[in-house]
Amino acid sequence: MFTHCFIHREALASKTLPCGLQEVLNVTIKAVNFVKSSATYTRLFRKLCEDMELDHKNLLYYTKVRWLSKRNVLSRVFELRDELEIFLNDVKPELAVHFTNSKFIACLAYLVDIFDSLNTLNLKMQGKEKNIIQFVDLINAFVVKLSNWRRKVQKGNLAMFSNLADISELDEALKTDVAQHLENLESEFKSYFPEAIGDDLFLARNPFRLSPEKVEDELQDQLTDLKNDSNFRDLFESLPVTEFWLSVALSYPQISTIAL
């Protein structure tokens, strides 16, 4: 439940998009749904991709309840964008025209890049033996990256967005949209993860570096005893943080309860 809570908040924080980028996402999903809604269209599109000897021959459905699906859908559309434009030009020209628009394709490339980064963060927070300290470290690192990426984008540097860098010069309108999205993401992550701001985890992270004056009066003596317990100091160096505190719990129950 704890892991699910963090991953769910990460998914919620990732939903923010400026109007321009949201429209690109909406059109992309609409195009995918149009092709996938008909067995005939799906078969014809697959045949087109087979004739062009492409590695992938099918589009992917976007499902809101599957948090990682957005990047996968966008990536597949970006990969098959030329074939999708050819196909839609015959059956749905009002959608096809978007895939001839360089600004639209540049926005699509950025969405693939940023959701790839968000998916990578999401996957790092999954798996066994995860704890709040690891989650907070991952979130803090990602927030710093967002800030750094925004500064680079404002200078026209796209090194961290490989798909966008490969296909486009960064014009002022797109620069504004991307910088605004990165700023919004940073704000949303800080809002959804208040535990990533401040010093609340100092005790759990390393009690041996924490001054007793930093904890409540009734815990100061117990923390002092723990800090001077050489057996537990050695144990701290060899065990994961969660296992360490479980080992400490019987000897120092009050301080362990706060840490855990």
Protein backbone atom coordinates (compact mmCIF):
# COMPACT_ATOMS: atom_id res chain seq x y z
CA MET A 1 0.00 0.00 0.00
CA PHE A 2 2.84 2.39 0.86
CA THR A 3 4.60 1.80 -2.46
CA HIS A 4 1.31 2.08 -4.33
CA CYS A 5 0.66 5.45 -2.64
CA PHE A 6 3.96 6.90 -3.87
CA ILE A 7 3.55 5.55 -7.40
CA HIS A 8 -0.02 6.81 -7.57
CA ARG A 9 1.07 10.29 -6.50
CA GLU A 10 3.81 10.22 -9.13
CA ALA A 11 1.19 9.38 -11.76
CA LEU A 12 -1.06 12.22 -10.60
CA ALA A 13 1.81 14.72 -10.59
CA SER A 14 2.66 13.68 -14.17
CA LYS A 15 -0.75 14.67 -15.55
CA THR A 16 -0.10 18.39 -15.87
CA LEU A 17 0.25 19.63 -19.47
CA PRO A 18 0.00 23.12 -21.02
CA CYS A 19 -2.86 23.53 -23.50
CA GLY A 20 -0.64 23.17 -26.58
CA LEU A 21 0.91 19.90 -25.46
CA GLN A 22 -2.44 18.60 -24.19
CA GLU A 23 -3.94 19.18 -27.65
CA VAL A 24 -1.12 17.19 -29.26
CA LEU A 25 -1.76 14.35 -26.80
CA ASN A 26 -5.51 14.47 -27.49
CA VAL A 27 -5.05 14.39 -31.27
CA THR A 28 -2.57 11.52 -30.99
CA ILE A 29 -4.93 9.44 -28.88
CA LYS A 30 -7.82 10.29 -31.22
CA ALA A 31 -5.79 9.09 -34.23
CA VAL A 32 -4.86 5.85 -32.47
CA ASN A 33 -8.45 5.21 -31.40
CA PHE A 34 -9.69 5.87 -34.92
CA VAL A 35 -7.39 3.23 -36.42
CA LYS A 36 -7.92 0.73 -33.59
CA SER A 37 -11.71 1.17 -33.51
CA SER A 38 -12.13 -0.74 -36.78
CA ALA A 39 -10.84 -4.24 -37.47
CA THR A 40 -10.58 -3.31 -41.15
CA TYR A 41 -8.52 -0.18 -40.47
CA THR A 42 -6.30 -2.09 -38.05
CA ARG A 43 -5.65 -4.79 -40.63
CA LEU A 44 -4.99 -2.29 -43.42
CA PHE A 45 -2.60 -0.27 -41.28
CA ARG A 46 -0.73 -3.43 -40.31
CA LYS A 47 -0.48 -4.38 -44.00
CA LEU A 48 0.95 -0.93 -44.79
CA CYS A 49 3.62 -1.34 -42.11
CA GLU A 50 4.42 -4.87 -43.31
CA ASP A 51 4.84 -3.65 -46.89
CA MET A 52 7.27 -1.01 -45.63
CA GLU A 53 9.14 -3.69 -43.64
CA LEU A 54 8.89 -1.88 -40.31
CA ASP A 55 9.84 -3.42 -36.97
CA HIS A 56 6.47 -2.55 -35.43
CA LYS A 57 3.23 -2.94 -37.32
CA ASN A 58 0.53 -2.02 -34.81
CA LEU A 59 -0.48 1.02 -32.78
CA LEU A 60 -1.08 0.67 -29.04
CA TYR A 61 -4.20 1.62 -27.13
CA TYR A 62 -3.95 4.26 -24.43
CA THR A 63 -5.53 3.19 -21.12
CA LYS A 64 -5.77 5.71 -18.29
CA VAL A 65 -5.69 3.05 -15.58
CA ARG A 66 -2.34 1.77 -16.86
CA TRP A 67 0.07 4.44 -15.68
CA LEU A 68 2.91 3.51 -18.05
CA SER A 69 0.79 3.24 -21.20
CA LYS A 70 0.92 6.92 -22.21
CA ARG A 71 4.61 6.85 -23.08
CA ASN A 72 4.26 3.53 -24.94
CA VAL A 73 1.38 4.85 -27.07
CA LEU A 74 3.21 8.10 -27.85
CA SER A 75 6.45 6.31 -28.68
CA ARG A 76 4.77 3.92 -31.10
CA VAL A 77 2.89 6.76 -32.84
CA PHE A 78 6.13 8.76 -33.11
CA GLU A 79 7.89 5.75 -34.61
CA LEU A 80 5.08 5.16 -37.14
CA ARG A 81 4.17 8.82 -37.73
CA ASP A 82 4.93 8.82 -41.46
CA GLU A 83 2.94 5.63 -42.06
CA LEU A 84 0.08 6.95 -39.93
CA GLU A 85 -0.01 10.16 -41.97
CA ILE A 86 -0.14 8.15 -45.23
CA PHE A 87 -2.91 5.92 -43.93
CA LEU A 88 -5.03 8.70 -42.41
CA ASN A 89 -4.68 10.84 -45.53
CA ASP A 90 -7.01 8.41 -47.32
CA VAL A 91 -9.55 7.73 -44.58
CA LYS A 92 -9.37 10.68 -42.12
CA PRO A 93 -7.58 13.65 -43.72
CA GLU A 94 -8.51 16.05 -40.90
CA LEU A 95 -6.36 13.93 -38.59
CA ALA A 96 -3.66 13.27 -41.18
CA VAL A 97 -2.93 16.99 -41.55
CA HIS A 98 -1.54 17.12 -38.00
CA PHE A 99 1.19 14.62 -38.90
CA THR A 100 2.44 16.92 -41.67
CA ASN A 101 2.83 19.80 -39.19
CA SER A 102 6.42 20.19 -37.97
CA LYS A 103 5.32 21.90 -34.73
CA PHE A 104 2.95 19.01 -33.95
CA ILE A 105 5.69 16.43 -34.58
CA ALA A 106 8.14 18.39 -32.41
CA CYS A 107 5.62 18.47 -29.56
CA LEU A 108 5.00 14.74 -30.02
CA ALA A 109 8.76 14.10 -29.84
CA TYR A 110 8.99 16.06 -26.59
CA LEU A 111 6.06 14.15 -25.08
CA VAL A 112 7.78 10.86 -25.91
CA ASP A 113 10.97 12.09 -24.21
CA ILE A 114 9.38 13.47 -21.05
CA PHE A 115 7.06 10.51 -20.52
CA ASP A 116 10.02 8.20 -21.01
CA SER A 117 11.69 9.98 -18.08
CA LEU A 118 8.50 9.78 -16.02
CA ASN A 119 8.15 6.05 -16.76
CA THR A 120 11.76 5.47 -15.74
CA LEU A 121 11.08 7.20 -12.41
CA ASN A 122 7.91 5.15 -11.96
CA LEU A 123 9.73 1.86 -12.55
CA LYS A 124 12.52 2.78 -10.13
CA MET A 125 9.90 3.09 -7.38
CA GLN A 126 8.61 -0.44 -7.97
CA GLY A 127 9.93 -3.72 -6.63
CA LYS A 128 10.69 -5.30 -3.29
CA GLU A 129 12.68 -3.82 -0.41
CA LYS A 130 11.75 -0.23 -1.27
CA ASN A 131 11.42 2.34 1.50
CA ILE A 132 10.47 5.99 1.92
CA ILE A 133 14.10 7.14 2.00
CA GLN A 134 14.73 5.64 -1.45
CA PHE A 135 11.50 7.16 -2.76
CA VAL A 136 12.32 10.61 -1.43
CA ASP A 137 15.83 10.43 -2.89
CA LEU A 138 14.39 9.52 -6.30
CA ILE A 139 11.80 12.32 -6.17
CA ASN A 140 14.36 14.89 -5.01
CA ALA A 141 16.72 13.91 -7.83
CA PHE A 142 13.92 14.14 -10.40
CA VAL A 143 12.83 17.59 -9.19
CA VAL A 144 16.42 18.83 -9.51
CA LYS A 145 16.57 17.37 -13.03
CA LEU A 146 13.35 19.18 -13.99
CA SER A 147 14.78 22.48 -12.85
CA ASN A 148 18.04 21.86 -14.71
CA TRP A 149 16.22 20.77 -17.87
CA ARG A 150 14.09 23.92 -17.78
CA ARG A 151 17.18 26.13 -17.60
CA LYS A 152 18.76 24.26 -20.51
CA VAL A 153 15.61 24.50 -22.65
CA GLN A 154 15.45 28.25 -22.06
CA LYS A 155 18.99 28.41 -23.53
CA GLY A 156 17.99 26.23 -26.50
CA ASN A 157 19.82 23.13 -25.23
CA LEU A 158 17.90 19.90 -26.00
CA ALA A 159 20.58 17.37 -25.07
CA MET A 160 18.33 15.63 -22.52
CA PHE A 161 15.45 15.20 -25.00
CA SER A 162 16.91 12.96 -27.68
CA ASN A 163 13.87 12.58 -29.96
CA LEU A 164 13.14 16.29 -29.96
CA ALA A 165 16.80 17.16 -30.54
CA ASP A 166 16.97 14.82 -33.54
CA ILE A 167 14.10 16.36 -35.47
CA SER A 168 13.70 19.99 -34.57
CA GLU A 169 15.18 23.36 -33.86
CA LEU A 170 13.59 24.80 -30.74
CA ASP A 171 11.45 27.76 -31.81
CA GLU A 172 10.22 30.29 -29.25
CA ALA A 173 6.66 28.95 -29.06
CA LEU A 174 7.79 25.39 -28.40
CA LYS A 175 10.49 26.59 -25.99
CA THR A 176 7.79 28.38 -23.99
CA ASP A 177 5.52 25.30 -23.91
CA VAL A 178 8.30 22.94 -22.87
CA ALA A 179 9.72 25.29 -20.22
CA GLN A 180 6.22 25.86 -18.83
CA HIS A 181 5.54 22.14 -18.69
CA LEU A 182 8.80 21.46 -16.85
CA GLU A 183 8.04 24.25 -14.38
CA ASN A 184 4.53 22.88 -13.83
CA LEU A 185 5.88 19.38 -13.30
CA GLU A 186 8.38 20.63 -10.74
CA SER A 187 5.62 22.46 -8.87
CA GLU A 188 3.30 19.44 -8.97
CA PHE A 189 5.96 17.07 -7.66
CA LYS A 190 6.76 19.39 -4.79
CA SER A 191 3.04 19.63 -4.00
CA TYR A 192 2.39 15.88 -4.15
CA PHE A 193 5.55 14.94 -2.26
CA PRO A 194 5.91 17.31 0.71
CA GLU A 195 8.08 14.70 2.47
CA ALA A 196 10.71 15.35 -0.18
CA ILE A 197 11.14 18.87 1.22
CA GLY A 198 12.67 19.40 4.65
CA ASP A 199 14.66 17.34 7.15
CA ASP A 200 12.02 14.95 8.52
CA LEU A 201 13.95 11.85 7.43
CA PHE A 202 17.30 12.70 9.02
CA LEU A 203 16.70 10.30 11.93
CA ALA A 204 15.70 7.36 9.75
CA ARG A 205 18.45 8.05 7.22
CA ASN A 206 21.36 8.09 9.69
CA PRO A 207 20.82 8.47 13.46
CA PHE A 208 24.58 8.53 14.06
CA ARG A 209 24.91 11.89 12.30
CA LEU A 210 21.96 13.49 14.07
CA SER A 211 22.45 15.72 17.09
CA PRO A 212 20.18 14.79 20.06
CA GLU A 213 18.98 18.41 20.19
CA LYS A 214 17.26 17.82 16.85
CA VAL A 215 14.72 15.38 18.33
CA GLU A 216 12.07 15.78 21.02
CA ASP A 217 13.19 15.92 24.67
CA GLU A 218 11.86 12.47 25.56
CA LEU A 219 13.88 10.89 22.73
CA GLN A 220 17.20 12.63 23.33
CA ASP A 221 18.59 10.20 25.90
CA GLN A 222 17.66 7.17 23.81
CA LEU A 223 19.21 8.70 20.70
CA THR A 224 22.38 9.46 22.66
CA ASP A 225 22.57 5.83 23.82
CA LEU A 226 22.08 4.59 20.26
CA LYS A 227 24.71 6.94 18.83
CA ASN A 228 27.26 5.55 21.30
CA ASP A 229 26.34 1.89 20.83
CA SER A 230 29.23 0.48 18.79
CA ASN A 231 27.41 -2.78 18.01
CA PHE A 232 24.55 -0.97 16.30
CA ARG A 233 26.92 1.49 14.67
CA ASP A 234 28.67 -1.47 12.98
CA LEU A 235 25.31 -3.00 12.12
CA PHE A 236 24.19 0.22 10.44
CA GLU A 237 27.09 -0.07 7.99
CA SER A 238 26.12 -3.59 6.90
CA LEU A 239 22.31 -3.62 6.77
CA PRO A 240 19.68 -1.85 4.66
CA VAL A 241 18.08 0.99 6.59
CA THR A 242 14.75 -0.78 7.17
CA GLU A 243 16.42 -3.94 8.47
CA PHE A 244 18.67 -1.88 10.71
CA TRP A 245 15.74 -0.17 12.43
CA LEU A 246 13.92 -3.47 12.87
CA SER A 247 17.04 -4.80 14.59
CA VAL A 248 17.22 -1.72 16.82
CA ALA A 249 13.55 -1.84 17.78
CA LEU A 250 13.86 -4.11 20.82
CA SER A 251 16.75 -2.17 22.36
CA TYR A 252 15.54 1.34 21.50
CA PRO A 253 11.77 1.07 20.96
CA GLN A 254 10.83 4.75 21.15
CA ILE A 255 13.39 6.07 18.70
CA SER A 256 12.77 3.11 16.36
CA THR A 257 9.03 3.81 16.31
CA ILE A 258 9.68 7.38 15.16
CA ALA A 259 12.20 6.29 12.54
CA LEU A 260 9.95 3.60 11.11
